[in-house]
Structures are given as structure tokens and as C-alpha cells.
Amino acid sequence: MLDSTARGILQLFGEFGQEVLDLHTLFEAGGNDPARREAVLDAVARLVRQELLEERGNDFYALTEKGKRVAASGGIIR
């Protein structure tokens, strides 16, 4: 199960209808609070380690096939 920040990040890809988003856009999952933005950075790093996101360089991240399945299932990792 993903935490709410990680789920919010995955949901942003669907909301924007994009497979690749930049870190600035992903910060929207944390709002304007600096502590929540730090949580977004931590969550992005975890999602990369879990192979749900893939780094594309220059602060861009893409959903992996696994990430797409998890996002579609509401953030439940199987």
C-alpha cells in the first residue's frame, strides 16, 4: 500500500493525462507547504526504487508499466 503522498503523485499522471511529468508538477501533490514538498521528494525517490516511476533526466519522471497498473488499482501494490 502506498502512502497518500505517493498515491497523489501517481494520480497526477492521470489528472494531467501525461506519461511524463516534471518535478515541479509533481510538487502539486504536496501543495505549498515546504515540509510536504520534502515529502514529495522522498516519495518520488521511493517510487523510483519500487520501479513505479522512471527517471528521464532533467527532473522528469515517467510512469513505468508497473506504475500504470498500481495507479489504476488505486495505489495498491500487488
Protein backbone atom coordinates (compact mmCIF):
# COMPACT_ATOMS: atom_id res chain seq x y z
CA MET A 1 0.00 0.00 0.00
CA LEU A 2 1.32 3.44 -0.88
CA ASP A 3 1.13 6.43 1.42
CA SER A 4 -1.10 9.36 0.48
CA THR A 5 1.75 11.41 -0.99
CA ALA A 6 2.86 8.59 -3.29
CA ARG A 7 -0.75 7.92 -4.34
CA GLY A 8 -1.19 11.65 -5.04
CA ILE A 9 1.89 11.63 -7.26
CA LEU A 10 0.63 8.66 -9.28
CA GLN A 11 -2.81 10.29 -9.57
CA LEU A 12 -1.27 13.43 -11.07
CA PHE A 13 -0.22 11.48 -14.15
CA GLY A 14 -3.87 10.56 -14.76
CA GLU A 15 -5.16 14.03 -13.96
CA PHE A 16 -2.80 15.60 -16.46
CA GLY A 17 -3.22 12.78 -18.97
CA GLN A 18 0.54 12.51 -19.34
CA GLU A 19 3.03 9.65 -19.04
CA VAL A 20 5.92 12.03 -18.26
CA LEU A 21 5.81 14.89 -15.74
CA ASP A 22 8.44 17.20 -14.33
CA LEU A 23 9.27 17.51 -10.66
CA HIS A 24 7.70 20.97 -10.49
CA THR A 25 4.36 19.46 -11.49
CA LEU A 26 4.78 16.57 -9.04
CA PHE A 27 5.21 19.10 -6.23
CA GLU A 28 1.49 19.82 -6.64
CA ALA A 29 0.89 16.62 -4.66
CA GLY A 30 2.44 18.42 -1.68
CA GLY A 31 0.90 21.85 -2.05
CA ASN A 32 2.80 24.93 -0.89
CA ASP A 33 3.98 23.59 2.47
CA PRO A 34 7.80 23.13 2.43
CA ALA A 35 7.60 20.02 4.63
CA ARG A 36 5.06 18.43 2.27
CA ARG A 37 7.26 19.28 -0.71
CA GLU A 38 10.12 17.47 1.03
CA ALA A 39 7.74 14.52 1.45
CA VAL A 40 7.11 14.63 -2.32
CA LEU A 41 10.87 14.35 -2.97
CA ASP A 42 11.07 11.37 -0.62
CA ALA A 43 8.02 9.74 -2.22
CA VAL A 44 9.41 10.22 -5.75
CA ALA A 45 12.67 8.54 -4.69
CA ARG A 46 10.68 5.63 -3.17
CA LEU A 47 8.55 5.29 -6.30
CA VAL A 48 11.70 5.11 -8.43
CA ARG A 49 13.18 2.42 -6.14
CA GLN A 50 9.89 0.49 -6.34
CA GLU A 51 10.08 0.77 -10.12
CA LEU A 52 6.79 2.63 -10.35
CA LEU A 53 8.46 5.75 -11.77
CA GLU A 54 11.43 6.02 -14.08
CA GLU A 55 13.83 8.96 -14.12
CA ARG A 56 14.04 10.58 -17.53
CA GLY A 57 16.63 13.25 -16.73
CA ASN A 58 16.33 16.98 -16.07
CA ASP A 59 13.83 16.34 -13.25
CA PHE A 60 11.36 14.49 -15.49
CA TYR A 61 9.72 11.25 -14.38
CA ALA A 62 7.64 8.72 -16.28
CA LEU A 63 5.22 6.08 -15.11
CA THR A 64 6.51 2.57 -15.71
CA GLU A 65 4.16 -0.21 -16.81
CA LYS A 66 4.10 -1.36 -13.18
CA GLY A 67 3.35 2.22 -12.10
CA LYS A 68 0.43 2.41 -14.52
CA ARG A 69 -1.06 -0.79 -13.07
CA VAL A 70 -0.63 0.42 -9.49
CA ALA A 71 -2.12 3.82 -10.33
CA ALA A 72 -5.10 2.14 -11.98
CA SER A 73 -5.62 -0.04 -8.91
CA GLY A 74 -5.75 2.97 -6.58
CA GLY A 75 -2.23 2.63 -5.19
CA ILE A 76 -2.34 -0.97 -4.04
CA ILE A 77 0.88 -2.78 -4.90
CA ARG A 78 0.40 -6.40 -5.90
